[in-house]
């Protein structure tokens, strides 16, 4: 999640373990409840995209590919991925 040390994978794993959004905010104090709900809403609305993203990240991890390879900025690290639903350019906290 942008502006935090929390990765998208952390949120998804917490959700899969059965944590509520409120419990996730308690577990990751740098998150805002609205941001957790936004990530979960996008994930539930676009499961194929999220599955594809996770597969790409797993493949990169297996290959040892750094997210900083090929001049990618630090914000492009795996956990910095943020859902951007069409028509809603969610930008996180302002």
PDB file of N, CA and C in Angstrom:
ATOM      1  N   UNK A   1       0.860  -1.161   0.000  1.00  0.00           N
ATOM      2  CA  UNK A   1       0.000   0.000   0.000  1.00  0.00           C
ATOM      3  C   UNK A   1       0.908   1.224   0.000  1.00  0.00           C
ATOM      4  N   UNK A   2       0.626   2.121  -0.889  1.00  0.00           N
ATOM      5  CA  UNK A   2       1.467   3.299  -1.026  1.00  0.00           C
ATOM      6  C   UNK A   2       1.509   4.101   0.270  1.00  0.00           C
ATOM      7  N   UNK A   3       2.712   4.552   0.617  1.00  0.00           N
ATOM      8  CA  UNK A   3       2.876   5.362   1.811  1.00  0.00           C
ATOM      9  C   UNK A   3       2.972   4.549   3.089  1.00  0.00           C
ATOM     10  N   UNK A   4       3.001   3.222   2.964  1.00  0.00           N
ATOM     11  CA  UNK A   4       3.116   2.350   4.135  1.00  0.00           C
ATOM     12  C   UNK A   4       4.179   1.297   3.850  1.00  0.00           C
ATOM     13  N   UNK A   5       4.482   0.510   4.838  1.00  0.00           N
ATOM     14  CA  UNK A   5       5.380  -0.634   4.651  1.00  0.00           C
ATOM     15  C   UNK A   5       4.578  -1.920   4.485  1.00  0.00           C
ATOM     16  N   UNK A   6       3.311  -1.785   4.134  1.00  0.00           N
ATOM     17  CA  UNK A   6       2.413  -2.930   3.992  1.00  0.00           C
ATOM     18  C   UNK A   6       2.257  -3.246   2.511  1.00  0.00           C
ATOM     19  N   UNK A   7       2.453  -4.502   2.171  1.00  0.00           N
ATOM     20  CA  UNK A   7       2.345  -4.943   0.798  1.00  0.00           C
ATOM     21  C   UNK A   7       0.927  -5.432   0.501  1.00  0.00           C
ATOM     22  N   UNK A   8       0.555  -5.377  -0.755  1.00  0.00           N
ATOM     23  CA  UNK A   8      -0.749  -5.903  -1.176  1.00  0.00           C
ATOM     24  C   UNK A   8      -0.902  -7.342  -0.711  1.00  0.00           C
ATOM     25  N   UNK A   9       0.159  -8.106  -0.828  1.00  0.00           N
ATOM     26  CA  UNK A   9       0.116  -9.505  -0.424  1.00  0.00           C
ATOM     27  C   UNK A   9      -0.227  -9.640   1.064  1.00  0.00           C
ATOM     28  N   UNK A  10       0.240  -8.712   1.883  1.00  0.00           N
ATOM     29  CA  UNK A  10      -0.085  -8.747   3.314  1.00  0.00           C
ATOM     30  C   UNK A  10      -1.590  -8.624   3.530  1.00  0.00           C
ATOM     31  N   UNK A  11      -2.201  -7.696   2.808  1.00  0.00           N
ATOM     32  CA  UNK A  11      -3.648  -7.484   2.944  1.00  0.00           C
ATOM     33  C   UNK A  11      -4.410  -8.714   2.460  1.00  0.00           C
ATOM     34  N   UNK A  12      -4.016  -9.250   1.313  1.00  0.00           N
ATOM     35  CA  UNK A  12      -4.706 -10.413   0.764  1.00  0.00           C
ATOM     36  C   UNK A  12      -4.550 -11.638   1.668  1.00  0.00           C
ATOM     37  N   UNK A  13      -3.355 -11.838   2.214  1.00  0.00           N
ATOM     38  CA  UNK A  13      -3.139 -12.974   3.109  1.00  0.00           C
ATOM     39  C   UNK A  13      -3.949 -12.807   4.397  1.00  0.00           C
ATOM     40  N   UNK A  14      -4.015 -11.594   4.917  1.00  0.00           N
ATOM     41  CA  UNK A  14      -4.818 -11.345   6.119  1.00  0.00           C
ATOM     42  C   UNK A  14      -6.286 -11.636   5.834  1.00  0.00           C
ATOM     43  N   UNK A  15      -6.765 -11.214   4.677  1.00  0.00           N
ATOM     44  CA  UNK A  15      -8.155 -11.473   4.282  1.00  0.00           C
ATOM     45  C   UNK A  15      -8.407 -12.974   4.175  1.00  0.00           C
ATOM     46  N   UNK A  16      -7.467 -13.676   3.543  1.00  0.00           N
ATOM     47  CA  UNK A  16      -7.609 -15.118   3.365  1.00  0.00           C
ATOM     48  C   UNK A  16      -7.558 -15.867   4.695  1.00  0.00           C
ATOM     49  N   UNK A  17      -6.877 -15.293   5.691  1.00  0.00           N
ATOM     50  CA  UNK A  17      -6.837 -15.898   7.030  1.00  0.00           C
ATOM     51  C   UNK A  17      -8.097 -15.580   7.831  1.00  0.00           C
ATOM     52  N   UNK A  18      -8.956 -14.723   7.279  1.00  0.00           N
ATOM     53  CA  UNK A  18     -10.214 -14.423   7.930  1.00  0.00           C
ATOM     54  C   UNK A  18     -10.237 -13.154   8.751  1.00  0.00           C
ATOM     55  N   UNK A  19      -9.190 -12.332   8.662  1.00  0.00           N
ATOM     56  CA  UNK A  19      -9.202 -11.067   9.396  1.00  0.00           C
ATOM     57  C   UNK A  19     -10.208 -10.114   8.772  1.00  0.00           C
ATOM     58  N   UNK A  20     -10.886  -9.379   9.596  1.00  0.00           N
ATOM     59  CA  UNK A  20     -11.807  -8.353   9.112  1.00  0.00           C
ATOM     60  C   UNK A  20     -10.977  -7.119   8.747  1.00  0.00           C
ATOM     61  N   UNK A  21     -11.530  -6.199   7.957  1.00  0.00           N
ATOM     62  CA  UNK A  21     -10.810  -4.963   7.655  1.00  0.00           C
ATOM     63  C   UNK A  21     -10.388  -4.218   8.928  1.00  0.00           C
ATOM     64  N   UNK A  22     -11.254  -4.236   9.929  1.00  0.00           N
ATOM     65  CA  UNK A  22     -10.928  -3.558  11.185  1.00  0.00           C
ATOM     66  C   UNK A  22      -9.733  -4.217  11.871  1.00  0.00           C
ATOM     67  N   UNK A  23      -9.674  -5.545  11.821  1.00  0.00           N
ATOM     68  CA  UNK A  23      -8.541  -6.267  12.411  1.00  0.00           C
ATOM     69  C   UNK A  23      -7.256  -6.008  11.629  1.00  0.00           C
ATOM     70  N   UNK A  24      -7.383  -5.839  10.311  1.00  0.00           N
ATOM     71  CA  UNK A  24      -6.198  -5.537   9.496  1.00  0.00           C
ATOM     72  C   UNK A  24      -5.603  -4.195   9.882  1.00  0.00           C
ATOM     73  N   UNK A  25      -6.462  -3.213  10.142  1.00  0.00           N
ATOM     74  CA  UNK A  25      -5.976  -1.891  10.547  1.00  0.00           C
ATOM     75  C   UNK A  25      -5.277  -1.984  11.903  1.00  0.00           C
ATOM     76  N   UNK A  26      -5.787  -2.828  12.779  1.00  0.00           N
ATOM     77  CA  UNK A  26      -5.124  -3.030  14.073  1.00  0.00           C
ATOM     78  C   UNK A  26      -3.773  -3.729  13.885  1.00  0.00           C
ATOM     79  N   UNK A  27      -3.716  -4.688  12.954  1.00  0.00           N
ATOM     80  CA  UNK A  27      -2.485  -5.421  12.691  1.00  0.00           C
ATOM     81  C   UNK A  27      -1.457  -4.564  11.952  1.00  0.00           C
ATOM     82  N   UNK A  28      -1.935  -3.650  11.114  1.00  0.00           N
ATOM     83  CA  UNK A  28      -1.073  -2.774  10.314  1.00  0.00           C
ATOM     84  C   UNK A  28      -1.486  -1.329  10.579  1.00  0.00           C
ATOM     85  N   UNK A  29      -1.003  -0.718  11.650  1.00  0.00           N
ATOM     86  CA  UNK A  29      -1.470   0.616  12.055  1.00  0.00           C
ATOM     87  C   UNK A  29      -1.250   1.728  11.027  1.00  0.00           C
ATOM     88  N   UNK A  30      -0.372   1.513  10.062  1.00  0.00           N
ATOM     89  CA  UNK A  30      -0.151   2.559   9.058  1.00  0.00           C
ATOM     90  C   UNK A  30      -1.268   2.613   8.022  1.00  0.00           C
ATOM     91  N   UNK A  31      -2.172   1.626   8.042  1.00  0.00           N
ATOM     92  CA  UNK A  31      -3.275   1.598   7.079  1.00  0.00           C
ATOM     93  C   UNK A  31      -4.479   2.362   7.593  1.00  0.00           C
ATOM     94  N   UNK A  32      -5.237   2.890   6.630  1.00  0.00           N
ATOM     95  CA  UNK A  32      -6.523   3.497   6.961  1.00  0.00           C
ATOM     96  C   UNK A  32      -7.607   2.489   6.585  1.00  0.00           C
ATOM     97  N   UNK A  33      -8.660   2.462   7.369  1.00  0.00           N
ATOM     98  CA  UNK A  33      -9.746   1.517   7.140  1.00  0.00           C
ATOM     99  C   UNK A  33     -10.326   1.673   5.731  1.00  0.00           C
ATOM    100  N   UNK A  34     -10.494   2.893   5.288  1.00  0.00           N
ATOM    101  CA  UNK A  34     -11.046   3.129   3.951  1.00  0.00           C
ATOM    102  C   UNK A  34     -10.148   2.528   2.870  1.00  0.00           C
ATOM    103  N   UNK A  35      -8.833   2.577   3.065  1.00  0.00           N
ATOM    104  CA  UNK A  35      -7.910   2.016   2.083  1.00  0.00           C
ATOM    105  C   UNK A  35      -8.008   0.491   2.038  1.00  0.00           C
ATOM    106  N   UNK A  36      -8.154  -0.134   3.205  1.00  0.00           N
ATOM    107  CA  UNK A  36      -8.315  -1.592   3.244  1.00  0.00           C
ATOM    108  C   UNK A  36      -9.594  -1.981   2.506  1.00  0.00           C
ATOM    109  N   UNK A  37     -10.673  -1.283   2.785  1.00  0.00           N
ATOM    110  CA  UNK A  37     -11.930  -1.582   2.085  1.00  0.00           C
ATOM    111  C   UNK A  37     -11.781  -1.374   0.577  1.00  0.00           C
ATOM    112  N   UNK A  38     -11.054  -0.350   0.159  1.00  0.00           N
ATOM    113  CA  UNK A  38     -10.860  -0.104  -1.274  1.00  0.00           C
ATOM    114  C   UNK A  38     -10.107  -1.254  -1.931  1.00  0.00           C
ATOM    115  N   UNK A  39      -9.060  -1.736  -1.269  1.00  0.00           N
ATOM    116  CA  UNK A  39      -8.291  -2.858  -1.812  1.00  0.00           C
ATOM    117  C   UNK A  39      -9.158  -4.108  -1.883  1.00  0.00           C
ATOM    118  N   UNK A  40      -9.889  -4.386  -0.815  1.00  0.00           N
ATOM    119  CA  UNK A  40     -10.736  -5.581  -0.816  1.00  0.00           C
ATOM    120  C   UNK A  40     -11.851  -5.479  -1.854  1.00  0.00           C
ATOM    121  N   UNK A  41     -12.431  -4.307  -1.992  1.00  0.00           N
ATOM    122  CA  UNK A  41     -13.490  -4.129  -2.989  1.00  0.00           C
ATOM    123  C   UNK A  41     -12.951  -4.373  -4.392  1.00  0.00           C
ATOM    124  N   UNK A  42     -11.784  -3.819  -4.685  1.00  0.00           N
ATOM    125  CA  UNK A  42     -11.192  -4.027  -5.999  1.00  0.00           C
ATOM    126  C   UNK A  42     -10.864  -5.508  -6.211  1.00  0.00           C
ATOM    127  N   UNK A  43     -10.299  -6.128  -5.185  1.00  0.00           N
ATOM    128  CA  UNK A  43      -9.927  -7.539  -5.274  1.00  0.00           C
ATOM    129  C   UNK A  43     -11.144  -8.408  -5.569  1.00  0.00           C
ATOM    130  N   UNK A  44     -12.237  -8.144  -4.888  1.00  0.00           N
ATOM    131  CA  UNK A  44     -13.451  -8.940  -5.091  1.00  0.00           C
ATOM    132  C   UNK A  44     -14.106  -8.654  -6.442  1.00  0.00           C
ATOM    133  N   UNK A  45     -13.973  -7.428  -6.925  1.00  0.00           N
ATOM    134  CA  UNK A  45     -14.574  -7.062  -8.209  1.00  0.00           C
ATOM    135  C   UNK A  45     -13.726  -7.497  -9.405  1.00  0.00           C
ATOM    136  N   UNK A  46     -12.430  -7.701  -9.191  1.00  0.00           N
ATOM    137  CA  UNK A  46     -11.509  -8.035 -10.286  1.00  0.00           C
ATOM    138  C   UNK A  46     -10.611  -9.212  -9.904  1.00  0.00           C
ATOM    139  N   UNK A  47     -11.188 -10.346  -9.567  1.00  0.00           N
ATOM    140  CA  UNK A  47     -10.368 -11.466  -9.085  1.00  0.00           C
ATOM    141  C   UNK A  47      -9.350 -11.970 -10.104  1.00  0.00           C
ATOM    142  N   UNK A  48      -9.709 -11.953 -11.376  1.00  0.00           N
ATOM    143  CA  UNK A  48      -8.770 -12.457 -12.391  1.00  0.00           C
ATOM    144  C   UNK A  48      -7.518 -11.596 -12.452  1.00  0.00           C
ATOM    145  N   UNK A  49      -7.682 -10.281 -12.374  1.00  0.00           N
ATOM    146  CA  UNK A  49      -6.533  -9.382 -12.413  1.00  0.00           C
ATOM    147  C   UNK A  49      -5.637  -9.574 -11.197  1.00  0.00           C
ATOM    148  N   UNK A  50      -6.238  -9.771 -10.045  1.00  0.00           N
ATOM    149  CA  UNK A  50      -5.462  -9.949  -8.823  1.00  0.00           C
ATOM    150  C   UNK A  50      -4.727 -11.284  -8.847  1.00  0.00           C
ATOM    151  N   UNK A  51      -5.391 -12.336  -9.327  1.00  0.00           N
ATOM    152  CA  UNK A  51      -4.738 -13.638  -9.443  1.00  0.00           C
ATOM    153  C   UNK A  51      -3.557 -13.534 -10.409  1.00  0.00           C
ATOM    154  N   UNK A  52      -3.754 -12.869 -11.529  1.00  0.00           N
ATOM    155  CA  UNK A  52      -2.668 -12.705 -12.505  1.00  0.00           C
ATOM    156  C   UNK A  52      -1.518 -11.912 -11.903  1.00  0.00           C
ATOM    157  N   UNK A  53      -1.819 -10.860 -11.164  1.00  0.00           N
ATOM    158  CA  UNK A  53      -0.784 -10.061 -10.502  1.00  0.00           C
ATOM    159  C   UNK A  53       0.015 -10.928  -9.530  1.00  0.00           C
ATOM    160  N   UNK A  54      -0.690 -11.707  -8.716  1.00  0.00           N
ATOM    161  CA  UNK A  54      -0.002 -12.535  -7.727  1.00  0.00           C
ATOM    162  C   UNK A  54       0.878 -13.580  -8.407  1.00  0.00           C
ATOM    163  N   UNK A  55       0.424 -14.141  -9.502  1.00  0.00           N
ATOM    164  CA  UNK A  55       1.236 -15.112 -10.244  1.00  0.00           C
ATOM    165  C   UNK A  55       2.488 -14.457 -10.802  1.00  0.00           C
ATOM    166  N   UNK A  56       2.342 -13.239 -11.337  1.00  0.00           N
ATOM    167  CA  UNK A  56       3.519 -12.525 -11.843  1.00  0.00           C
ATOM    168  C   UNK A  56       4.512 -12.258 -10.718  1.00  0.00           C
ATOM    169  N   UNK A  57       4.019 -11.849  -9.569  1.00  0.00           N
ATOM    170  CA  UNK A  57       4.899 -11.554  -8.440  1.00  0.00           C
ATOM    171  C   UNK A  57       5.600 -12.819  -7.950  1.00  0.00           C
ATOM    172  N   UNK A  58       4.867 -13.932  -7.913  1.00  0.00           N
ATOM    173  CA  UNK A  58       5.473 -15.199  -7.497  1.00  0.00           C
ATOM    174  C   UNK A  58       6.556 -15.625  -8.482  1.00  0.00           C
ATOM    175  N   UNK A  59       6.299 -15.456  -9.781  1.00  0.00           N
ATOM    176  CA  UNK A  59       7.288 -15.810 -10.798  1.00  0.00           C
ATOM    177  C   UNK A  59       8.524 -14.934 -10.660  1.00  0.00           C
ATOM    178  N   UNK A  60       8.331 -13.646 -10.443  1.00  0.00           N
ATOM    179  CA  UNK A  60       9.472 -12.749 -10.257  1.00  0.00           C
ATOM    180  C   UNK A  60      10.288 -13.146  -9.039  1.00  0.00           C
ATOM    181  N   UNK A  61       9.608 -13.520  -7.977  1.00  0.00           N
ATOM    182  CA  UNK A  61      10.313 -13.924  -6.758  1.00  0.00           C
ATOM    183  C   UNK A  61      11.117 -15.197  -7.010  1.00  0.00           C
ATOM    184  N   UNK A  62      10.528 -16.159  -7.733  1.00  0.00           N
ATOM    185  CA  UNK A  62      11.245 -17.403  -8.049  1.00  0.00           C
ATOM    186  C   UNK A  62      12.452 -17.130  -8.928  1.00  0.00           C
ATOM    187  N   UNK A  63      12.317 -16.188  -9.859  1.00  0.00           N
ATOM    188  CA  UNK A  63      13.401 -15.866 -10.781  1.00  0.00           C
ATOM    189  C   UNK A  63      14.429 -14.941 -10.148  1.00  0.00           C
ATOM    190  N   UNK A  64      14.102 -14.378  -9.015  1.00  0.00           N
ATOM    191  CA  UNK A  64      15.021 -13.450  -8.364  1.00  0.00           C
ATOM    192  C   UNK A  64      15.072 -12.103  -9.044  1.00  0.00           C
ATOM    193  N   UNK A  65      14.009 -11.744  -9.762  1.00  0.00           N
ATOM    194  CA  UNK A  65      13.965 -10.467 -10.464  1.00  0.00           C
ATOM    195  C   UNK A  65      13.624  -9.370  -9.476  1.00  0.00           C
ATOM    196  N   UNK A  66      14.449  -8.375  -9.429  1.00  0.00           N
ATOM    197  CA  UNK A  66      14.204  -7.237  -8.553  1.00  0.00           C
ATOM    198  C   UNK A  66      13.163  -6.320  -9.174  1.00  0.00           C
ATOM    199  N   UNK A  67      12.251  -5.788  -8.360  1.00  0.00           N
ATOM    200  CA  UNK A  67      11.291  -4.825  -8.900  1.00  0.00           C
ATOM    201  C   UNK A  67      11.968  -3.532  -9.333  1.00  0.00           C
ATOM    202  N   UNK A  68      13.236  -3.366  -8.942  1.00  0.00           N
ATOM    203  CA  UNK A  68      13.978  -2.162  -9.299  1.00  0.00           C
ATOM    204  C   UNK A  68      14.786  -2.352 -10.581  1.00  0.00           C
ATOM    205  N   UNK A  69      14.696  -3.549 -11.162  1.00  0.00           N
ATOM    206  CA  UNK A  69      15.405  -3.815 -12.409  1.00  0.00           C
ATOM    207  C   UNK A  69      14.820  -2.951 -13.524  1.00  0.00           C
ATOM    208  N   UNK A  70      15.654  -2.705 -14.519  1.00  0.00           N
ATOM    209  CA  UNK A  70      15.245  -1.952 -15.702  1.00  0.00           C
ATOM    210  C   UNK A  70      14.754  -0.549 -15.367  1.00  0.00           C
ATOM    211  N   UNK A  71      15.336   0.055 -14.340  1.00  0.00           N
ATOM    212  CA  UNK A  71      15.053   1.451 -14.046  1.00  0.00           C
ATOM    213  C   UNK A  71      13.686   1.737 -13.468  1.00  0.00           C
ATOM    214  N   UNK A  72      13.010   0.734 -12.926  1.00  0.00           N
ATOM    215  CA  UNK A  72      11.704   0.992 -12.344  1.00  0.00           C
ATOM    216  C   UNK A  72      11.875   1.781 -11.052  1.00  0.00           C
ATOM    217  N   UNK A  73      11.024   2.736 -10.812  1.00  0.00           N
ATOM    218  CA  UNK A  73      11.140   3.540  -9.607  1.00  0.00           C
ATOM    219  C   UNK A  73      10.801   2.741  -8.360  1.00  0.00           C
ATOM    220  N   UNK A  74      11.262   3.187  -7.185  1.00  0.00           N
ATOM    221  CA  UNK A  74      10.977   2.469  -5.947  1.00  0.00           C
ATOM    222  C   UNK A  74       9.496   2.223  -5.719  1.00  0.00           C
ATOM    223  N   UNK A  75       8.635   3.081  -6.169  1.00  0.00           N
ATOM    224  CA  UNK A  75       7.197   2.888  -5.982  1.00  0.00           C
ATOM    225  C   UNK A  75       6.642   1.715  -6.756  1.00  0.00           C
ATOM    226  N   UNK A  76       7.463   1.077  -7.601  1.00  0.00           N
ATOM    227  CA  UNK A  76       6.961  -0.044  -8.384  1.00  0.00           C
ATOM    228  C   UNK A  76       7.258  -1.383  -7.719  1.00  0.00           C
ATOM    229  N   UNK A  77       7.732  -1.355  -6.487  1.00  0.00           N
ATOM    230  CA  UNK A  77       7.989  -2.619  -5.787  1.00  0.00           C
ATOM    231  C   UNK A  77       6.674  -3.395  -5.673  1.00  0.00           C
ATOM    232  N   UNK A  78       6.727  -4.720  -5.483  1.00  0.00           N
ATOM    233  CA  UNK A  78       5.504  -5.518  -5.498  1.00  0.00           C
ATOM    234  C   UNK A  78       4.399  -4.993  -4.589  1.00  0.00           C
ATOM    235  N   UNK A  79       4.715  -4.603  -3.405  1.00  0.00           N
ATOM    236  CA  UNK A  79       3.683  -4.162  -2.479  1.00  0.00           C
ATOM    237  C   UNK A  79       3.126  -2.797  -2.774  1.00  0.00           C
ATOM    238  N   UNK A  80       3.744  -2.083  -3.694  1.00  0.00           N
ATOM    239  CA  UNK A  80       3.266  -0.745  -4.013  1.00  0.00           C
ATOM    240  C   UNK A  80       2.148  -0.776  -5.044  1.00  0.00           C
ATOM    241  N   UNK A  81       1.874  -1.944  -5.577  1.00  0.00           N
ATOM    242  CA  UNK A  81       0.786  -2.058  -6.543  1.00  0.00           C
ATOM    243  C   UNK A  81      -0.497  -1.658  -5.858  1.00  0.00           C
ATOM    244  N   UNK A  82      -1.222  -0.823  -6.533  1.00  0.00           N
ATOM    245  CA  UNK A  82      -2.521  -0.417  -5.999  1.00  0.00           C
ATOM    246  C   UNK A  82      -3.561  -0.639  -7.074  1.00  0.00           C
ATOM    247  N   UNK A  83      -4.697  -1.112  -6.686  1.00  0.00           N
ATOM    248  CA  UNK A  83      -5.748  -1.304  -7.684  1.00  0.00           C
ATOM    249  C   UNK A  83      -6.170   0.039  -8.256  1.00  0.00           C
ATOM    250  N   UNK A  84      -6.383   0.083  -9.531  1.00  0.00           N
ATOM    251  CA  UNK A  84      -6.843   1.297 -10.182  1.00  0.00           C
ATOM    252  C   UNK A  84      -8.040   0.937 -11.057  1.00  0.00           C
ATOM    253  N   UNK A  85      -9.211   0.819 -10.436  1.00  0.00           N
ATOM    254  CA  UNK A  85     -10.383   0.472 -11.220  1.00  0.00           C
ATOM    255  C   UNK A  85     -10.659   1.529 -12.277  1.00  0.00           C
ATOM    256  N   UNK A  86     -11.130   1.061 -13.413  1.00  0.00           N
ATOM    257  CA  UNK A  86     -11.439   2.006 -14.479  1.00  0.00           C
ATOM    258  C   UNK A  86     -12.502   2.984 -14.014  1.00  0.00           C
ATOM    259  N   UNK A  87     -12.240   4.247 -14.234  1.00  0.00           N
ATOM    260  CA  UNK A  87     -13.190   5.275 -13.842  1.00  0.00           C
ATOM    261  C   UNK A  87     -12.986   5.759 -12.420  1.00  0.00           C
ATOM    262  N   UNK A  88     -12.235   5.012 -11.630  1.00  0.00           N
ATOM    263  CA  UNK A  88     -11.936   5.417 -10.263  1.00  0.00           C
ATOM    264  C   UNK A  88     -10.439   5.375 -10.073  1.00  0.00           C
ATOM    265  N   UNK A  89      -9.797   6.480 -10.154  1.00  0.00           N
ATOM    266  CA  UNK A  89      -8.347   6.525  -9.989  1.00  0.00           C
ATOM    267  C   UNK A  89      -8.037   6.700  -8.514  1.00  0.00           C
ATOM    268  N   UNK A  90      -8.165   5.633  -7.758  1.00  0.00           N
ATOM    269  CA  UNK A  90      -7.916   5.679  -6.323  1.00  0.00           C
ATOM    270  C   UNK A  90      -6.462   6.068  -6.087  1.00  0.00           C
ATOM    271  N   UNK A  91      -6.259   7.104  -5.305  1.00  0.00           N
ATOM    272  CA  UNK A  91      -4.928   7.623  -5.059  1.00  0.00           C
ATOM    273  C   UNK A  91      -4.482   7.459  -3.611  1.00  0.00           C
ATOM    274  N   UNK A  92      -5.275   6.861  -2.764  1.00  0.00           N
ATOM    275  CA  UNK A  92      -4.885   6.712  -1.367  1.00  0.00           C
ATOM    276  C   UNK A  92      -5.038   8.021  -0.622  1.00  0.00           C
ATOM    277  N   UNK A  93      -4.491   8.090   0.582  1.00  0.00           N
ATOM    278  CA  UNK A  93      -4.639   9.301   1.391  1.00  0.00           C
ATOM    279  C   UNK A  93      -3.968  10.498   0.727  1.00  0.00           C
ATOM    280  N   UNK A  94      -4.591  11.623   0.804  1.00  0.00           N
ATOM    281  CA  UNK A  94      -4.039  12.842   0.185  1.00  0.00           C
ATOM    282  C   UNK A  94      -3.405  13.735   1.198  1.00  0.00           C
TER     283      UNK A  94
END
